[in-house]
């Protein structure tokens, strides 16, 4: 995970630097024998496990874990390389996965790591997310360094979370950073849990952690991933959207085959530039930003082929909202003003609740769920709060969220502009 040191403010004491793990940096376990020994070491400890994983986002196509860090009281820290032995990672790590079934996992920003840990056969039976706990506690900064400083008075050294963790051998300072990521995670969990207990939010957190634990991250990705191309709002017509789709698809195929981050094959900005300009010759293509470089010159015919396919395509391009929910709210006032009025009223109501309970509005309800409620709203035949309760429950809102938000949303939507 990528973390930065947070500067002390005038009313905060200087943190005690946490530069090296107390017991030193352990050797990395790579072979089956070493990983089996790491599992035995963890089994000899007690209580929950602090868990973290390092990936190579921005460098590799896959989201796989290239290093896994685990710490447990009485056992210390182990560092595990799930790919270095060249064997099936899930089979290689099975002894560790079995030990991890014994107790709760503690992660910081668990949604970043759970998917890659699941790929190697690891999944928690119980979970505590310290970053999510910090959000529920109303902390203004919830990155690991900020929370460690606030609650434990310690200052973490700058990290290497954004580095290429597929590199081998891993540098010593990277391993030092990785071990520090779990060094005080157990103590942090206890400290933020006490804060939540003082605020009466322990049950809220338990509901959130369980929801996160049972989320199937493999099914939460939007179907038309090409529509997330940065800058796609600049493309105004069907032909241009088809060009984005074809260029994105070709790039994605190459990136997957070579296990390279797609942006390193061709940046999004270049895809958008080509979709808008619609070049038909090599000369027109290489005149565009990025495409004039040596690598893209060599691949010019491939990119031109994708653009030609887009021009010839007769496949219908459905509107984005038909697959992924409502359009961006900036378009609502023109396309559906009554929905815009509902959204404004709903946001104002949720903001009031957010201030009262000191929880960010996006943690009260996901913005997407609020948008869908306001966009799809029809005057109900039943009690308005009953309809909202059922809608939010179907959308995955937890009981604590519904208890706080249904009454205010009922009042807001009841008073907002009616359907014309």
Protein backbone atom coordinates (compact mmCIF):
# COMPACT_ATOMS: atom_id res chain seq x y z
CA UNK A 1 0.00 0.00 0.00
CA UNK A 2 1.24 3.45 -0.82
CA UNK A 3 1.68 5.69 2.22
CA UNK A 4 3.22 9.07 2.87
CA UNK A 5 4.42 10.70 6.08
CA UNK A 6 1.92 13.21 7.38
CA UNK A 7 3.37 16.42 8.74
CA UNK A 8 2.70 17.34 12.36
CA UNK A 9 0.54 20.34 12.93
CA UNK A 10 1.30 22.96 15.56
CA UNK A 11 -0.94 21.32 18.18
CA UNK A 12 0.37 17.77 17.63
CA UNK A 13 3.51 16.39 19.29
CA UNK A 14 6.28 15.22 17.05
CA UNK A 15 5.82 11.49 16.33
CA UNK A 16 8.43 8.98 17.38
CA UNK A 17 10.05 7.77 14.14
CA UNK A 18 9.34 4.16 13.26
CA UNK A 19 12.17 3.45 10.86
CA UNK A 20 12.93 -0.25 11.30
CA UNK A 21 10.93 -3.25 12.59
CA UNK A 22 11.67 -3.96 16.23
CA UNK A 23 12.88 -7.49 15.46
CA UNK A 24 14.58 -6.58 12.20
CA UNK A 25 13.49 -7.49 8.69
CA UNK A 26 12.80 -11.22 8.37
CA UNK A 27 14.12 -13.29 5.50
CA UNK A 28 11.66 -13.71 2.64
CA UNK A 29 10.05 -17.15 2.48
CA UNK A 30 10.09 -18.41 -1.11
CA UNK A 31 10.31 -22.20 -1.27
CA UNK A 32 7.71 -24.66 -0.04
CA UNK A 33 9.93 -25.57 2.91
CA UNK A 34 10.42 -21.93 3.89
CA UNK A 35 6.71 -21.15 3.55
CA UNK A 36 5.84 -24.22 5.63
CA UNK A 37 8.21 -22.94 8.32
CA UNK A 38 6.53 -19.51 8.16
CA UNK A 39 3.15 -21.21 8.66
CA UNK A 40 4.50 -23.05 11.73
CA UNK A 41 5.86 -19.77 13.07
CA UNK A 42 2.46 -18.08 12.73
CA UNK A 43 0.68 -21.07 14.25
CA UNK A 44 2.82 -20.66 17.36
CA UNK A 45 1.47 -17.15 17.94
CA UNK A 46 -1.83 -15.97 19.36
CA UNK A 47 -4.67 -13.64 18.43
CA UNK A 48 -5.46 -11.90 15.13
CA UNK A 49 -3.23 -11.61 12.10
CA UNK A 50 -2.01 -8.33 10.62
CA UNK A 51 -2.00 -8.88 6.85
CA UNK A 52 -0.83 -6.82 3.88
CA UNK A 53 0.11 -7.44 0.27
CA UNK A 54 2.22 -5.61 -2.30
CA UNK A 55 1.28 -5.55 -5.97
CA UNK A 56 2.79 -4.00 -9.10
CA UNK A 57 -0.05 -1.70 -10.07
CA UNK A 58 0.97 0.60 -12.90
CA UNK A 59 3.64 -1.88 -14.02
CA UNK A 60 1.80 -5.19 -14.53
CA UNK A 61 -1.54 -6.07 -16.09
CA UNK A 62 -2.40 -8.51 -13.36
CA UNK A 63 -3.38 -7.48 -9.86
CA UNK A 64 -1.54 -10.39 -8.31
CA UNK A 65 0.32 -10.22 -5.00
CA UNK A 66 4.09 -10.19 -5.31
CA UNK A 67 4.77 -10.06 -1.58
CA UNK A 68 2.57 -10.95 1.40
CA UNK A 69 3.32 -9.70 4.92
CA UNK A 70 1.78 -11.29 8.02
CA UNK A 71 2.35 -10.52 11.69
CA UNK A 72 0.93 -12.15 14.81
CA UNK A 73 1.53 -11.60 18.51
CA UNK A 74 4.01 -14.13 19.83
CA UNK A 75 5.08 -15.09 16.30
CA UNK A 76 6.54 -11.92 14.83
CA UNK A 77 6.45 -11.05 11.13
CA UNK A 78 6.83 -13.25 8.07
CA UNK A 79 7.39 -12.07 4.51
CA UNK A 80 6.23 -14.45 1.79
CA UNK A 81 7.05 -14.37 -1.92
CA UNK A 82 4.13 -16.16 -3.62
CA UNK A 83 5.66 -16.14 -7.11
CA UNK A 84 9.41 -16.59 -6.69
CA UNK A 85 9.38 -20.39 -6.59
CA UNK A 86 7.56 -20.63 -9.92
CA UNK A 87 4.93 -22.98 -8.48
CA UNK A 88 1.16 -22.71 -8.13
CA UNK A 89 0.85 -19.95 -5.50
CA UNK A 90 -2.40 -21.29 -4.03
CA UNK A 91 -0.86 -24.74 -3.48
CA UNK A 92 2.37 -23.24 -2.20
CA UNK A 93 0.60 -21.05 0.34
CA UNK A 94 -1.97 -23.59 1.52
CA UNK A 95 -0.21 -24.17 4.88
CA UNK A 96 -0.32 -20.43 5.59
CA UNK A 97 -3.94 -20.14 4.47
CA UNK A 98 -4.92 -22.92 6.89
CA UNK A 99 -3.25 -21.14 9.81
CA UNK A 100 -4.93 -17.85 8.88
CA UNK A 101 -8.31 -19.53 9.35
CA UNK A 102 -7.65 -19.53 13.11
CA UNK A 103 -8.47 -15.89 13.81
CA UNK A 104 -9.40 -12.43 12.54
CA UNK A 105 -7.43 -10.65 9.84
CA UNK A 106 -6.48 -7.00 10.25
CA UNK A 107 -5.88 -5.06 7.04
CA UNK A 108 -5.64 -1.38 6.18
CA UNK A 109 -7.78 -0.59 3.11
CA UNK A 110 -8.80 -4.23 2.79
CA UNK A 111 -10.60 -3.71 -0.52
CA UNK A 112 -7.22 -3.13 -2.15
CA UNK A 113 -5.77 -6.47 -1.06
CA UNK A 114 -8.57 -9.00 -0.64
CA UNK A 115 -8.85 -9.85 -4.35
CA UNK A 116 -5.16 -10.60 -4.83
CA UNK A 117 -5.08 -12.64 -1.61
CA UNK A 118 -8.10 -14.62 -2.79
CA UNK A 119 -6.15 -15.50 -5.94
CA UNK A 120 -3.65 -17.40 -3.80
CA UNK A 121 -6.32 -19.19 -1.78
CA UNK A 122 -6.53 -16.83 1.19
CA UNK A 123 -9.80 -15.37 2.46
CA UNK A 124 -10.66 -14.17 5.98
CA UNK A 125 -13.30 -15.76 8.17
CA UNK A 126 -13.31 -12.52 10.16
CA UNK A 127 -12.02 -9.11 9.13
CA UNK A 128 -11.09 -5.76 10.66
CA UNK A 129 -10.25 -2.88 8.30
CA UNK A 130 -8.42 -0.09 10.11
CA UNK A 131 -8.84 2.42 7.28
CA UNK A 132 -12.60 1.88 7.13
CA UNK A 133 -12.71 2.10 10.92
CA UNK A 134 -10.98 5.46 10.70
CA UNK A 135 -13.61 6.71 8.26
CA UNK A 136 -16.42 5.62 10.56
CA UNK A 137 -14.64 7.34 13.45
CA UNK A 138 -14.69 10.58 11.48
CA UNK A 139 -10.92 10.95 11.07
CA UNK A 140 -10.00 13.50 8.41
CA UNK A 141 -6.95 11.48 7.31
CA UNK A 142 -7.14 7.71 7.17
CA UNK A 143 -3.97 6.62 5.37
CA UNK A 144 -1.85 4.28 7.44
CA UNK A 145 0.84 6.82 8.35
CA UNK A 146 -1.70 9.42 9.49
CA UNK A 147 -3.62 6.97 11.67
CA UNK A 148 -0.48 5.48 13.21
CA UNK A 149 0.69 8.97 14.09
CA UNK A 150 -2.68 10.06 15.47
CA UNK A 151 -3.44 7.00 17.57
CA UNK A 152 -0.02 5.58 18.40
CA UNK A 153 2.23 8.64 18.22
CA UNK A 154 4.56 6.94 15.73
CA UNK A 155 5.90 8.24 12.44
CA UNK A 156 6.21 5.77 9.58
CA UNK A 157 9.03 6.22 7.10
CA UNK A 158 8.12 7.02 3.51
CA UNK A 159 7.15 3.90 1.64
CA UNK A 160 7.55 2.13 -1.66
CA UNK A 161 3.92 1.12 -2.15
CA UNK A 162 3.85 2.48 -5.70
CA UNK A 163 7.00 0.58 -6.70
CA UNK A 164 7.25 -2.36 -9.11
CA UNK A 165 6.98 -5.22 -6.63
CA UNK A 166 7.41 -7.77 -9.42
CA UNK A 167 11.10 -6.85 -9.43
CA UNK A 168 13.49 -9.53 -8.21
CA UNK A 169 15.45 -9.48 -6.03
CA UNK A 170 13.47 -7.06 -3.88
CA UNK A 171 15.69 -4.28 -2.48
CA UNK A 172 16.39 -4.31 1.25
CA UNK A 173 14.72 -0.94 1.85
CA UNK A 174 11.55 -2.16 0.14
CA UNK A 175 11.43 -5.19 2.44
CA UNK A 176 11.97 -2.91 5.44
CA UNK A 177 8.98 -0.83 4.33
CA UNK A 178 6.87 -3.95 3.76
CA UNK A 179 7.60 -5.28 7.26
CA UNK A 180 6.73 -1.90 8.80
CA UNK A 181 3.30 -1.98 7.15
CA UNK A 182 2.23 -4.72 9.58
CA UNK A 183 4.52 -3.84 12.49
CA UNK A 184 1.91 -1.89 14.49
CA UNK A 185 -1.31 -2.88 12.71
CA UNK A 186 -2.52 -4.97 15.66
CA UNK A 187 -1.99 -2.06 18.08
CA UNK A 188 -3.68 0.28 15.60
CA UNK A 189 -6.71 -2.00 15.44
CA UNK A 190 -7.08 -1.93 19.22
CA UNK A 191 -6.73 1.86 19.34
CA UNK A 192 -9.27 2.64 16.62
CA UNK A 193 -11.65 0.02 18.03
CA UNK A 194 -11.57 1.86 21.35
CA UNK A 195 -12.33 5.11 19.52
CA UNK A 196 -15.35 3.53 17.81
CA UNK A 197 -16.57 2.09 21.09
CA UNK A 198 -16.45 5.54 22.67
CA UNK A 199 -18.57 6.87 19.78
CA UNK A 200 -21.08 4.01 19.93
CA UNK A 201 -20.15 2.79 16.45
CA UNK A 202 -18.80 -0.68 17.16
CA UNK A 203 -21.81 -2.41 15.62
CA UNK A 204 -21.69 -0.14 12.56
CA UNK A 205 -18.10 -1.19 11.99
CA UNK A 206 -18.90 -4.89 12.43
CA UNK A 207 -21.61 -4.63 9.77
CA UNK A 208 -19.23 -2.85 7.39
CA UNK A 209 -16.42 -5.34 7.88
CA UNK A 210 -18.69 -8.31 7.30
CA UNK A 211 -20.14 -6.69 4.17
CA UNK A 212 -16.62 -6.13 2.87
CA UNK A 213 -15.61 -9.69 3.71
CA UNK A 214 -18.48 -11.25 1.74
CA UNK A 215 -18.14 -8.94 -1.27
CA UNK A 216 -17.31 -10.76 -4.48
CA UNK A 217 -14.81 -8.36 -6.02
CA UNK A 218 -14.76 -10.39 -9.23
CA UNK A 219 -18.35 -9.38 -10.02
CA UNK A 220 -18.13 -5.70 -9.11
CA UNK A 221 -16.27 -4.64 -12.24
CA UNK A 222 -18.40 -2.80 -14.77
CA UNK A 223 -19.07 -4.75 -17.95
CA UNK A 224 -17.92 -2.14 -20.47
CA UNK A 225 -14.56 -1.36 -18.89
CA UNK A 226 -13.48 0.64 -21.93
CA UNK A 227 -16.00 3.29 -20.93
CA UNK A 228 -13.73 4.16 -18.00
CA UNK A 229 -11.04 5.46 -20.36
CA UNK A 230 -9.89 8.76 -18.92
CA UNK A 231 -11.13 11.69 -21.01
CA UNK A 232 -13.91 9.76 -22.74
CA UNK A 233 -16.25 12.69 -22.11
CA UNK A 234 -14.41 14.51 -24.92
CA UNK A 235 -15.71 11.97 -27.44
CA UNK A 236 -19.06 13.21 -28.74
CA UNK A 237 -20.25 10.77 -31.40
CA UNK A 238 -20.87 7.09 -31.96
CA UNK A 239 -17.92 6.67 -34.33
CA UNK A 240 -15.58 8.16 -31.73
CA UNK A 241 -16.91 5.86 -29.00
CA UNK A 242 -16.41 2.87 -31.27
CA UNK A 243 -12.82 4.03 -31.83
CA UNK A 244 -12.20 4.22 -28.09
CA UNK A 245 -13.63 0.74 -27.68
CA UNK A 246 -11.49 -0.79 -30.45
CA UNK A 247 -8.26 0.92 -29.41
CA UNK A 248 -8.89 -0.01 -25.78
CA UNK A 249 -9.60 -3.64 -26.71
CA UNK A 250 -6.44 -4.00 -28.79
CA UNK A 251 -4.38 -2.40 -26.03
CA UNK A 252 -5.95 -4.62 -23.38
CA UNK A 253 -5.25 -7.77 -25.38
CA UNK A 254 -1.57 -6.85 -25.73
CA UNK A 255 -1.27 -5.84 -22.08
CA UNK A 256 -2.80 -9.10 -20.87
CA UNK A 257 -0.54 -11.19 -23.10
CA UNK A 258 2.60 -9.38 -21.97
CA UNK A 259 1.45 -8.77 -18.37
CA UNK A 260 2.16 -5.05 -18.66
CA UNK A 261 -0.04 -2.26 -17.34
CA UNK A 262 -2.21 -1.04 -20.25
CA UNK A 263 -1.12 2.57 -19.80
CA UNK A 264 2.44 1.51 -20.57
CA UNK A 265 1.30 0.10 -23.89
CA UNK A 266 -0.66 3.21 -24.87
CA UNK A 267 -1.89 5.93 -22.48
CA UNK A 268 -5.56 6.82 -22.29
CA UNK A 269 -4.79 10.32 -23.57
CA UNK A 270 -3.50 8.85 -26.83
CA UNK A 271 -6.63 6.71 -27.26
CA UNK A 272 -8.86 9.75 -26.84
CA UNK A 273 -6.73 11.87 -29.20
CA UNK A 274 -6.95 9.23 -31.92
CA UNK A 275 -10.69 8.71 -31.38
CA UNK A 276 -11.33 12.44 -31.79
CA UNK A 277 -8.94 13.05 -34.71
CA UNK A 278 -9.88 9.84 -36.60
CA UNK A 279 -6.63 9.53 -38.61
CA UNK A 280 -6.71 7.32 -41.69
CA UNK A 281 -3.02 7.34 -42.64
CA UNK A 282 0.24 6.68 -40.84
CA UNK A 283 1.24 10.31 -41.34
CA UNK A 284 -1.95 11.57 -39.70
CA UNK A 285 -1.58 9.11 -36.83
CA UNK A 286 2.05 9.85 -35.96
CA UNK A 287 1.29 13.56 -35.99
CA UNK A 288 -0.76 13.00 -32.83
CA UNK A 289 0.81 13.15 -29.34
CA UNK A 290 2.45 9.87 -28.23
CA UNK A 291 1.97 8.16 -31.60
CA UNK A 292 5.04 9.94 -32.97
CA UNK A 293 7.39 7.99 -30.70
CA UNK A 294 9.47 5.09 -32.07
CA UNK A 295 7.42 2.34 -30.39
CA UNK A 296 4.09 3.67 -31.62
CA UNK A 297 5.46 4.29 -35.12
CA UNK A 298 6.28 0.57 -35.30
CA UNK A 299 2.71 -0.26 -34.25
CA UNK A 300 1.04 2.37 -36.42
CA UNK A 301 -0.67 -0.11 -38.73
CA UNK A 302 -2.10 -2.00 -35.76
CA UNK A 303 -3.68 1.16 -34.30
CA UNK A 304 -4.92 2.25 -37.72
CA UNK A 305 -6.51 -1.18 -38.10
CA UNK A 306 -8.39 -0.70 -34.85
CA UNK A 307 -9.65 2.68 -36.02
CA UNK A 308 -10.73 1.21 -39.35
CA UNK A 309 -12.63 -1.54 -37.54
CA UNK A 310 -14.42 1.15 -35.54
CA UNK A 311 -15.42 3.05 -38.68
CA UNK A 312 -16.77 -0.12 -40.29
CA UNK A 313 -18.57 -1.36 -37.19
CA UNK A 314 -22.34 -1.56 -37.29
CA UNK A 315 -22.60 -2.96 -33.78
CA UNK A 316 -24.93 -0.73 -31.76
CA UNK A 317 -23.37 1.21 -28.93
CA UNK A 318 -25.85 1.37 -26.09
CA UNK A 319 -25.90 4.47 -23.97
CA UNK A 320 -23.56 4.15 -20.95
CA UNK A 321 -26.37 4.47 -18.45
CA UNK A 322 -28.13 1.40 -19.82
CA UNK A 323 -25.23 -0.71 -18.55
CA UNK A 324 -23.83 1.19 -15.64
CA UNK A 325 -26.55 3.29 -14.08
CA UNK A 326 -27.58 6.90 -14.53
CA UNK A 327 -25.62 9.46 -16.56
CA UNK A 328 -23.27 11.91 -14.83
CA UNK A 329 -25.26 14.27 -12.56
CA UNK A 330 -24.01 17.27 -14.54
CA UNK A 331 -26.39 16.22 -17.33
CA UNK A 332 -29.44 15.71 -15.16
CA UNK A 333 -30.79 19.28 -15.12
CA UNK A 334 -31.17 19.18 -18.90
CA UNK A 335 -32.28 15.59 -19.38
CA UNK A 336 -34.37 14.98 -16.25
CA UNK A 337 -34.68 18.11 -14.08
CA UNK A 338 -37.01 16.48 -11.58
CA UNK A 339 -34.30 13.88 -10.88
CA UNK A 340 -31.75 16.67 -10.45
CA UNK A 341 -34.02 18.27 -7.84
CA UNK A 342 -34.36 14.96 -6.02
CA UNK A 343 -30.60 14.44 -6.01
CA UNK A 344 -29.96 17.91 -4.64
CA UNK A 345 -32.49 17.34 -1.86
CA UNK A 346 -31.10 13.87 -1.07
CA UNK A 347 -27.52 15.12 -0.91
CA UNK A 348 -28.50 17.95 1.42
CA UNK A 349 -30.34 15.51 3.72
CA UNK A 350 -27.42 13.08 3.81
CA UNK A 351 -24.99 15.92 4.49
CA UNK A 352 -26.99 16.82 7.58
CA UNK A 353 -26.81 13.24 8.85
CA UNK A 354 -23.10 13.08 8.01
CA UNK A 355 -22.37 16.10 10.16
CA UNK A 356 -24.48 14.80 13.01
CA UNK A 357 -22.84 11.35 13.25
CA UNK A 358 -19.40 12.43 11.96
CA UNK A 359 -19.26 9.89 9.15
CA UNK A 360 -18.49 10.82 5.52
CA UNK A 361 -21.57 10.88 3.29
CA UNK A 362 -20.05 8.28 0.96
CA UNK A 363 -19.88 5.89 3.92
CA UNK A 364 -23.49 6.56 4.85
CA UNK A 365 -24.57 5.44 1.37
CA UNK A 366 -22.56 4.94 -1.78
CA UNK A 367 -22.99 7.87 -4.20
CA UNK A 368 -23.98 5.43 -6.95
CA UNK A 369 -26.85 4.04 -4.87
CA UNK A 370 -28.12 7.55 -4.09
CA UNK A 371 -27.97 8.51 -7.77
CA UNK A 372 -29.88 5.41 -8.82
CA UNK A 373 -32.54 6.07 -6.20
CA UNK A 374 -33.06 9.63 -7.40
CA UNK A 375 -32.84 8.86 -11.13
CA UNK A 376 -35.18 5.84 -11.10
CA UNK A 377 -37.63 7.25 -8.55
CA UNK A 378 -41.32 6.87 -9.30
CA UNK A 379 -44.13 8.14 -7.06
CA UNK A 380 -44.76 5.12 -4.82
CA UNK A 381 -48.13 3.55 -4.14
CA UNK A 382 -46.88 2.31 -0.75
CA UNK A 383 -45.45 4.27 2.17
CA UNK A 384 -42.49 6.27 0.86
CA UNK A 385 -40.06 5.15 3.56
CA UNK A 386 -40.98 1.50 2.95
CA UNK A 387 -40.11 1.87 -0.72
CA UNK A 388 -36.79 3.55 0.08
CA UNK A 389 -35.96 0.93 2.72
CA UNK A 390 -36.52 -1.88 0.21
CA UNK A 391 -34.53 -0.11 -2.52
CA UNK A 392 -31.54 0.52 -0.26
CA UNK A 393 -31.60 -3.01 1.14
CA UNK A 394 -31.63 -4.46 -2.38
CA UNK A 395 -28.72 -2.18 -3.24
CA UNK A 396 -26.63 -3.57 -0.38
CA UNK A 397 -27.04 -0.83 2.24
CA UNK A 398 -26.44 -2.19 5.72
CA UNK A 399 -29.03 -1.95 8.53
CA UNK A 400 -27.19 0.86 10.35
CA UNK A 401 -27.08 2.89 7.13
CA UNK A 402 -30.76 2.40 6.43
CA UNK A 403 -31.71 3.31 9.99
CA UNK A 404 -29.94 6.66 9.64
CA UNK A 405 -30.83 7.55 6.06
CA UNK A 406 -34.31 6.23 5.23
CA UNK A 407 -36.23 8.82 7.31
CA UNK A 408 -34.33 11.82 5.91
CA UNK A 409 -34.44 10.52 2.34
CA UNK A 410 -38.17 9.94 2.68
CA UNK A 411 -38.67 13.56 3.69
CA UNK A 412 -36.30 14.84 1.00
CA UNK A 413 -37.83 12.89 -1.89
CA UNK A 414 -41.33 13.64 -0.70
CA UNK A 415 -40.63 17.36 -0.82
CA UNK A 416 -38.56 17.38 -4.03
CA UNK A 417 -39.98 18.25 -7.45
CA UNK A 418 -42.54 15.62 -8.53
CA UNK A 419 -42.29 13.58 -11.71
CA UNK A 420 -43.67 15.50 -14.69
